Amino acid sequence: MLDLTADPIALTAALVDIPSESRHEALIADEIEAALRRQAPHFEVIRSGNAVLARTNLGRPSRVMLAGHTDTVPAADNLPSRLESGELWGCGTSDMKAGDAVFLHLAATVAEPTHDITLVMYDCEEIESSANGLGRIERDLPDWLQADVAILGEPSGGFIEAGCQGTLRVIIHTAGTRAHSARSWLGDNAIHKLSGVLQRLNAYGARQVDIDGCVYREGLSAVRIDGGIAGNVIPDSASVTVNFRFAPDRTPGQALAHVQELFADLDVRIEQTDVAAGALPGLTQPAAAALVAAAGGQVRAKYGWTDVARFAALGIPAVNYGPGDPNLAHKSDERVSIDAITATTDMLRRYLTS
């Protein structure tokens, strides 16, 4: 049985030792639900599938949401957890059971917060977006996703990583004329036509955008090339897949328009295959500004896409803040510093009680 009042380091180990690969979170959800009902009587607790939600209703002037996913990628012979040289090792330690442990511990031990608190422990974050538990909660329980600021416990190395960049993928197609390579002058090589696209990408100067003191760095990169039929055939089609990571001051439509404009003078066809909007940091909002102050200004931009974008779409300023190292997420040697767990707990306790 989980002890939410225990040291968050021990609580992290206990959570890690409950296997919870995506779509198999029932056991950890059962344990979290039972522990909250038993040890956090000032919270209203409900269940949504394999997500557990809890909130206070103390009439405070602002509400803070603490959100964390309980699922992990498949274990890689890295269970159970082990403590070694000041680090806790095991599947999910960094991404993001250490963050979950901090949130659960604070829910059980902060009896008089200065903000009302909503706690969301959700399922299926590590797989396709359509399965994400936050989507189900948004559809079925929208009033539970109302807050003045949302803190997502994703690994951020102890920094507040605000907002997130958007991501756009397009396939840039070229067309030519097929011919035997022994008579190449009879054909029109579609692969050669990609040279203009690649030169444009190689020379591209990406923007750096400062929003609320966070500098977002855009990037436009070729991530895949396709073309060719046989070793003796001039290809009549080829393509390059391009990923645009764009700052959150651009909408998805503006991001696509920017890419289209960049290649407008080339003989290509552009096909959009995927897009996700970014999230503005919103750090000037009072509840978010107080969080930055509590963290001593340790704030930076989030370059990757995370679920903060879901909260931003609901009009809620959102940040990533967790003790894990994002560079260790999903690795077989995944681990988290125990000092980082303690520091994150202490900072959020100050924020929730000051």
Protein backbone atom coordinates (compact mmCIF):
# COMPACT_ATOMS: atom_id res chain seq x y z
CA MET A 1 0.00 0.00 0.00
CA LEU A 2 1.35 3.40 -0.98
CA ASP A 3 2.30 5.78 1.83
CA LEU A 4 1.88 9.26 0.38
CA THR A 5 3.26 10.87 3.53
CA ALA A 6 6.57 9.01 3.21
CA ASP A 7 9.66 10.68 1.82
CA PRO A 8 9.05 11.33 -1.89
CA ILE A 9 12.18 9.33 -2.71
CA ALA A 10 10.69 6.23 -1.11
CA LEU A 11 7.34 7.00 -2.73
CA THR A 12 9.03 7.24 -6.14
CA ALA A 13 10.56 3.80 -5.63
CA ALA A 14 7.18 2.39 -4.61
CA LEU A 15 5.52 3.79 -7.75
CA VAL A 16 8.32 2.53 -10.00
CA ASP A 17 7.95 -0.95 -8.55
CA ILE A 18 4.33 -1.09 -9.77
CA PRO A 19 4.70 -1.95 -13.48
CA SER A 20 2.45 0.33 -15.52
CA GLU A 21 3.21 0.07 -19.21
CA SER A 22 0.72 2.01 -21.33
CA ARG A 23 -2.75 0.38 -21.34
CA HIS A 24 -1.83 -1.54 -18.18
CA GLU A 25 -2.24 1.16 -15.52
CA ALA A 26 -5.16 -0.40 -13.60
CA LEU A 27 -3.02 -1.58 -10.67
CA ILE A 28 -1.18 1.69 -10.14
CA ALA A 29 -4.46 3.61 -10.50
CA ASP A 30 -6.06 1.36 -7.86
CA GLU A 31 -3.17 2.01 -5.47
CA ILE A 32 -3.17 5.78 -6.04
CA GLU A 33 -6.95 6.04 -5.65
CA ALA A 34 -6.94 4.04 -2.41
CA ALA A 35 -4.03 6.05 -0.99
CA LEU A 36 -5.65 9.41 -1.78
CA ARG A 37 -8.96 8.38 -0.26
CA ARG A 38 -7.19 7.17 2.87
CA GLN A 39 -4.49 9.83 3.31
CA ALA A 40 -5.88 13.02 1.71
CA PRO A 41 -9.35 13.42 3.21
CA HIS A 42 -9.51 17.10 2.20
CA PHE A 43 -9.63 16.04 -1.48
CA GLU A 44 -12.63 15.01 -3.53
CA VAL A 45 -11.51 11.88 -5.42
CA ILE A 46 -12.98 10.31 -8.56
CA ARG A 47 -11.91 7.73 -11.13
CA SER A 48 -11.98 7.96 -14.95
CA GLY A 49 -10.91 4.69 -16.51
CA ASN A 50 -7.34 4.25 -15.30
CA ALA A 51 -6.97 7.91 -14.39
CA VAL A 52 -7.40 9.22 -10.85
CA LEU A 53 -8.52 12.80 -10.21
CA ALA A 54 -8.64 14.67 -6.91
CA ARG A 55 -9.32 18.27 -5.96
CA THR A 56 -9.76 20.56 -3.01
CA ASN A 57 -12.67 22.98 -2.74
CA LEU A 58 -11.39 25.41 -0.13
CA GLY A 59 -12.57 28.60 -1.81
CA ARG A 60 -9.07 29.84 -2.56
CA PRO A 61 -8.72 32.69 -5.11
CA SER A 62 -6.76 30.56 -7.57
CA ARG A 63 -6.48 26.90 -8.59
CA VAL A 64 -3.31 25.01 -9.48
CA MET A 65 -3.42 21.78 -11.43
CA LEU A 66 -0.74 19.14 -10.84
CA ALA A 67 -0.85 16.65 -13.70
CA GLY A 68 1.23 13.55 -14.29
CA HIS A 69 0.97 10.43 -16.40
CA THR A 70 1.37 7.11 -14.64
CA ASP A 71 2.24 4.97 -17.65
CA THR A 72 5.72 4.09 -18.84
CA VAL A 73 7.30 2.67 -21.95
CA PRO A 74 7.96 -1.11 -21.81
CA ALA A 75 10.53 -2.07 -19.19
CA ALA A 76 14.02 -2.91 -20.44
CA ASP A 77 15.24 -5.23 -17.70
CA ASN A 78 15.23 -2.19 -15.42
CA LEU A 79 12.74 -3.26 -12.75
CA PRO A 80 12.56 -3.32 -9.79
CA SER A 81 14.04 0.02 -8.76
CA ARG A 82 17.37 0.29 -7.01
CA LEU A 83 19.13 3.10 -5.13
CA GLU A 84 22.76 3.59 -6.05
CA SER A 85 25.20 6.49 -5.55
CA GLY A 86 22.53 9.09 -4.90
CA GLU A 87 20.33 8.05 -7.82
CA LEU A 88 17.19 5.96 -8.06
CA TRP A 89 17.32 3.63 -11.07
CA GLY A 90 14.43 1.96 -12.87
CA CYS A 91 11.80 2.19 -15.59
CA GLY A 92 9.81 5.39 -15.20
CA THR A 93 12.03 7.01 -12.58
CA SER A 94 12.71 10.07 -14.72
CA ASP A 95 9.62 9.94 -16.97
CA MET A 96 7.78 10.58 -14.79
CA LYS A 97 7.12 8.69 -11.58
CA ALA A 98 9.42 10.98 -9.61
CA GLY A 99 7.17 13.87 -10.62
CA ASP A 100 4.08 11.84 -9.76
CA ALA A 101 5.53 11.04 -6.33
CA VAL A 102 6.20 14.72 -5.61
CA PHE A 103 2.63 15.67 -6.55
CA LEU A 104 1.04 12.86 -4.53
CA HIS A 105 3.21 13.60 -1.51
CA LEU A 106 2.29 17.28 -1.55
CA ALA A 107 -1.41 16.45 -1.92
CA ALA A 108 -1.25 14.37 1.25
CA THR A 109 0.97 16.68 3.31
CA VAL A 110 -0.09 20.25 2.41
CA ALA A 111 -3.26 20.61 4.46
CA GLU A 112 -3.72 24.39 4.06
CA PRO A 113 -2.56 25.41 0.57
CA THR A 114 -2.88 29.01 -0.55
CA HIS A 115 -4.32 27.76 -3.85
CA ASP A 116 -7.00 25.17 -4.44
CA ILE A 117 -5.35 22.10 -5.96
CA THR A 118 -6.49 19.72 -8.68
CA LEU A 119 -4.48 16.52 -9.04
CA VAL A 120 -4.71 14.55 -12.30
CA MET A 121 -2.91 11.20 -12.55
CA TYR A 122 -3.69 9.99 -16.06
CA ASP A 123 -3.05 7.06 -18.36
CA CYS A 124 -1.72 6.30 -21.86
CA GLU A 125 0.50 9.32 -22.44
CA GLU A 126 3.35 7.32 -23.96
CA ILE A 127 1.34 5.97 -26.91
CA GLU A 128 -0.84 7.43 -29.66
CA SER A 129 -2.53 10.72 -28.84
CA SER A 130 -6.03 9.30 -29.38
CA ALA A 131 -5.54 7.02 -26.35
CA ASN A 132 -4.29 9.74 -24.00
CA GLY A 133 -6.33 9.85 -20.80
CA LEU A 134 -6.39 13.64 -20.82
CA GLY A 135 -8.48 13.55 -23.99
CA ARG A 136 -11.05 11.30 -22.32
CA ILE A 137 -11.14 13.53 -19.24
CA GLU A 138 -11.60 16.62 -21.41
CA ARG A 139 -14.59 14.98 -23.11
CA ASP A 140 -16.22 13.42 -20.05
CA LEU A 141 -15.19 15.65 -17.13
CA PRO A 142 -14.32 19.09 -18.55
CA ASP A 143 -14.94 20.90 -15.26
CA TRP A 144 -12.03 18.95 -13.75
CA LEU A 145 -9.63 20.61 -16.20
CA GLN A 146 -10.21 24.17 -15.02
CA ALA A 147 -7.31 25.95 -13.34
CA ASP A 148 -5.31 29.17 -13.29
CA VAL A 149 -2.05 27.35 -14.03
CA ALA A 150 -1.16 23.74 -14.81
CA ILE A 151 2.11 22.08 -13.80
CA LEU A 152 2.97 18.93 -15.74
CA GLY A 153 5.51 16.74 -13.96
CA GLU A 154 7.46 15.85 -17.10
CA PRO A 155 11.23 15.58 -16.58
CA SER A 156 12.73 19.04 -16.90
CA GLY A 157 15.96 18.79 -14.92
CA GLY A 158 14.56 20.94 -12.14
CA PHE A 159 13.92 23.88 -14.48
CA ILE A 160 10.50 25.27 -15.24
CA GLU A 161 10.13 24.57 -18.95
CA ALA A 162 7.34 26.83 -20.12
CA GLY A 163 4.95 26.24 -22.97
CA CYS A 164 6.16 24.12 -25.86
CA GLN A 165 6.95 24.41 -29.54
CA GLY A 166 4.63 23.19 -32.25
CA THR A 167 5.54 20.49 -34.73
CA LEU A 168 4.68 20.22 -38.42
CA ARG A 169 5.61 17.46 -40.86
CA VAL A 170 5.32 17.76 -44.61
CA ILE A 171 6.42 15.62 -47.54
CA ILE A 172 7.93 17.57 -50.40
CA HIS A 173 7.43 15.66 -53.67
CA THR A 174 9.27 16.02 -56.97
CA ALA A 175 8.26 14.47 -60.29
CA GLY A 176 10.31 13.52 -63.37
CA THR A 177 10.38 11.09 -66.28
CA ARG A 178 11.43 7.47 -66.00
CA ALA A 179 14.15 6.17 -68.35
CA HIS A 180 16.91 3.58 -68.58
CA SER A 181 20.02 4.88 -66.81
CA ALA A 182 22.11 3.93 -69.87
CA ARG A 183 20.14 6.61 -71.72
CA SER A 184 19.73 9.08 -68.87
CA TRP A 185 19.25 12.01 -71.26
CA LEU A 186 15.86 10.55 -72.14
CA GLY A 187 14.67 10.89 -68.56
CA ASP A 188 14.17 13.59 -65.97
CA ASN A 189 15.66 12.59 -62.61
CA ALA A 190 13.25 13.33 -59.74
CA ILE A 191 15.95 12.67 -57.13
CA HIS A 192 18.19 15.33 -58.65
CA LYS A 193 15.32 17.79 -58.34
CA LEU A 194 15.48 17.39 -54.57
CA SER A 195 18.82 19.22 -54.59
CA GLY A 196 17.07 22.59 -54.54
CA VAL A 197 15.02 21.55 -51.51
CA LEU A 198 18.09 20.30 -49.64
CA GLN A 199 20.09 23.42 -50.46
CA ARG A 200 17.24 25.56 -49.16
CA LEU A 201 17.10 23.53 -45.93
CA ASN A 202 20.87 23.66 -45.47
CA ALA A 203 20.88 27.46 -45.80
CA TYR A 204 17.80 28.02 -43.65
CA GLY A 205 18.22 30.53 -40.83
CA ALA A 206 15.94 29.51 -37.97
CA ARG A 207 14.28 32.12 -35.74
CA GLN A 208 14.89 32.52 -32.03
CA VAL A 209 11.84 34.02 -30.34
CA ASP A 210 11.71 35.47 -26.80
CA ILE A 211 8.26 35.05 -25.20
CA ASP A 212 7.82 35.86 -21.50
CA GLY A 213 11.59 35.56 -21.05
CA CYS A 214 11.74 32.11 -22.68
CA VAL A 215 13.73 31.79 -25.90
CA TYR A 216 12.25 29.31 -28.36
CA ARG A 217 14.58 28.06 -31.11
CA GLU A 218 12.89 26.94 -34.30
CA GLY A 219 14.25 24.24 -36.57
CA LEU A 220 13.50 23.06 -40.11
CA SER A 221 15.03 19.68 -40.88
CA ALA A 222 14.93 16.92 -43.46
CA VAL A 223 14.19 13.69 -41.60
CA ARG A 224 13.65 11.20 -44.46
CA ILE A 225 14.33 10.83 -48.19
CA ASP A 226 12.50 8.44 -50.52
CA GLY A 227 13.11 7.73 -54.20
CA GLY A 228 14.46 5.28 -56.69
CA ILE A 229 13.03 2.25 -58.45
CA ALA A 230 16.00 0.11 -59.48
CA GLY A 231 19.72 0.38 -59.97
CA ASN A 232 19.35 1.04 -63.69
CA VAL A 233 16.29 3.31 -63.79
CA ILE A 234 16.09 7.09 -63.74
CA PRO A 235 13.39 7.72 -61.08
CA ASP A 236 10.24 9.61 -61.95
CA SER A 237 9.33 10.44 -58.34
CA ALA A 238 11.15 11.31 -55.13
CA SER A 239 10.38 13.01 -51.84
CA VAL A 240 11.89 14.43 -48.69
CA THR A 241 10.06 14.54 -45.37
CA VAL A 242 10.60 17.78 -43.49
CA ASN A 243 9.90 18.47 -39.82
CA PHE A 244 9.34 22.08 -38.73
CA ARG A 245 9.56 22.76 -35.00
CA PHE A 246 7.97 26.19 -34.67
CA ALA A 247 7.75 28.69 -31.83
CA PRO A 248 4.36 28.99 -30.13
CA ASP A 249 3.75 32.47 -31.49
CA ARG A 250 2.93 30.78 -34.83
CA THR A 251 -0.35 28.97 -35.43
CA PRO A 252 -0.24 25.65 -37.34
CA GLY A 253 -1.65 27.48 -40.38
CA GLN A 254 1.09 30.10 -40.19
CA ALA A 255 3.72 27.38 -39.85
CA LEU A 256 2.48 25.62 -42.99
CA ALA A 257 2.30 28.90 -44.89
CA HIS A 258 5.92 29.64 -43.90
CA VAL A 259 7.10 26.29 -45.26
CA GLN A 260 5.09 26.70 -48.45
CA GLU A 261 6.53 30.17 -49.01
CA LEU A 262 10.07 28.92 -48.49
CA PHE A 263 9.78 26.45 -51.39
CA ALA A 264 7.27 28.37 -53.53
CA ASP A 265 9.67 28.96 -56.41
CA LEU A 266 10.68 25.29 -56.72
CA ASP A 267 8.96 22.69 -58.88
CA VAL A 268 7.62 20.66 -55.95
CA ARG A 269 4.34 19.57 -54.35
CA ILE A 270 3.98 19.94 -50.58
CA GLU A 271 1.80 17.51 -48.61
CA GLN A 272 1.10 18.09 -44.90
CA THR A 273 1.07 14.83 -42.93
CA ASP A 274 1.05 15.90 -39.28
CA VAL A 275 0.74 19.03 -37.15
CA ALA A 276 0.37 19.89 -33.47
CA ALA A 277 0.06 23.42 -32.14
CA GLY A 278 2.53 24.79 -29.65
CA ALA A 279 1.69 26.36 -26.30
CA LEU A 280 2.43 29.90 -25.19
CA PRO A 281 4.08 30.06 -21.75
CA GLY A 282 1.63 32.50 -20.20
CA LEU A 283 4.09 33.35 -17.44
CA THR A 284 2.67 36.83 -16.93
CA GLN A 285 -0.52 35.38 -15.45
CA PRO A 286 -0.50 35.85 -11.65
CA ALA A 287 -0.49 32.18 -10.64
CA ALA A 288 2.23 31.39 -13.19
CA ALA A 289 4.31 34.42 -12.19
CA ALA A 290 4.19 33.29 -8.56
CA LEU A 291 5.47 29.87 -9.65
CA VAL A 292 8.41 31.48 -11.46
CA ALA A 293 9.19 33.54 -8.36
CA ALA A 294 9.13 30.43 -6.17
CA ALA A 295 11.56 28.75 -8.57
CA GLY A 296 13.97 31.67 -8.33
CA GLY A 297 13.57 32.46 -12.02
CA GLN A 298 14.88 29.07 -13.16
CA VAL A 299 12.84 29.10 -16.36
CA ARG A 300 13.55 28.04 -19.94
CA ALA A 301 11.59 27.24 -23.08
CA LYS A 302 10.33 23.73 -23.82
CA TYR A 303 11.49 22.70 -27.28
CA GLY A 304 9.67 19.37 -27.54
CA TRP A 305 5.90 18.95 -27.69
CA THR A 306 4.16 17.84 -24.47
CA ASP A 307 0.67 17.77 -23.01
CA VAL A 308 1.05 21.38 -21.87
CA ALA A 309 -0.34 22.15 -25.34
CA ARG A 310 -3.62 20.49 -24.32
CA PHE A 311 -3.92 22.84 -21.35
CA ALA A 312 -2.92 25.87 -23.41
CA ALA A 313 -5.72 25.02 -25.85
CA LEU A 314 -8.09 25.28 -22.88
CA GLY A 315 -6.71 28.72 -22.03
CA ILE A 316 -4.64 27.51 -19.06
CA PRO A 317 -1.00 28.64 -18.75
CA ALA A 318 1.03 25.46 -18.42
CA VAL A 319 4.61 24.50 -17.62
CA ASN A 320 6.68 21.34 -17.40
CA TYR A 321 8.40 20.94 -14.03
CA GLY A 322 9.75 17.66 -12.77
CA PRO A 323 12.90 16.31 -11.12
CA GLY A 324 13.84 13.92 -13.92
CA ASP A 325 16.44 14.41 -16.62
CA PRO A 326 14.68 14.42 -20.02
CA ASN A 327 17.81 12.95 -21.64
CA LEU A 328 17.34 9.75 -19.60
CA ALA A 329 13.67 9.18 -20.41
CA HIS A 330 12.89 5.79 -21.99
CA LYS A 331 16.48 4.54 -21.67
CA SER A 332 17.47 1.21 -20.17
CA ASP A 333 19.66 3.11 -17.67
CA GLU A 334 16.85 5.52 -16.73
CA ARG A 335 17.41 7.09 -13.33
CA VAL A 336 16.71 10.20 -11.26
CA SER A 337 18.77 12.11 -8.73
CA ILE A 338 17.34 11.84 -5.22
CA ASP A 339 18.54 15.39 -4.52
CA ALA A 340 16.43 16.59 -7.47
CA ILE A 341 13.35 14.89 -6.02
CA THR A 342 13.89 16.66 -2.72
CA ALA A 343 14.56 20.05 -4.35
CA THR A 344 11.44 19.82 -6.53
CA THR A 345 9.32 18.89 -3.52
CA ASP A 346 10.67 21.79 -1.48
CA MET A 347 10.10 24.34 -4.25
CA LEU A 348 6.52 23.28 -4.94
CA ARG A 349 5.74 23.20 -1.22
CA ARG A 350 6.87 26.84 -0.98
CA TYR A 351 4.72 27.73 -3.96
CA LEU A 352 1.61 25.98 -2.66
CA THR A 353 1.88 27.44 0.83
CA SER A 354 3.33 30.94 0.43
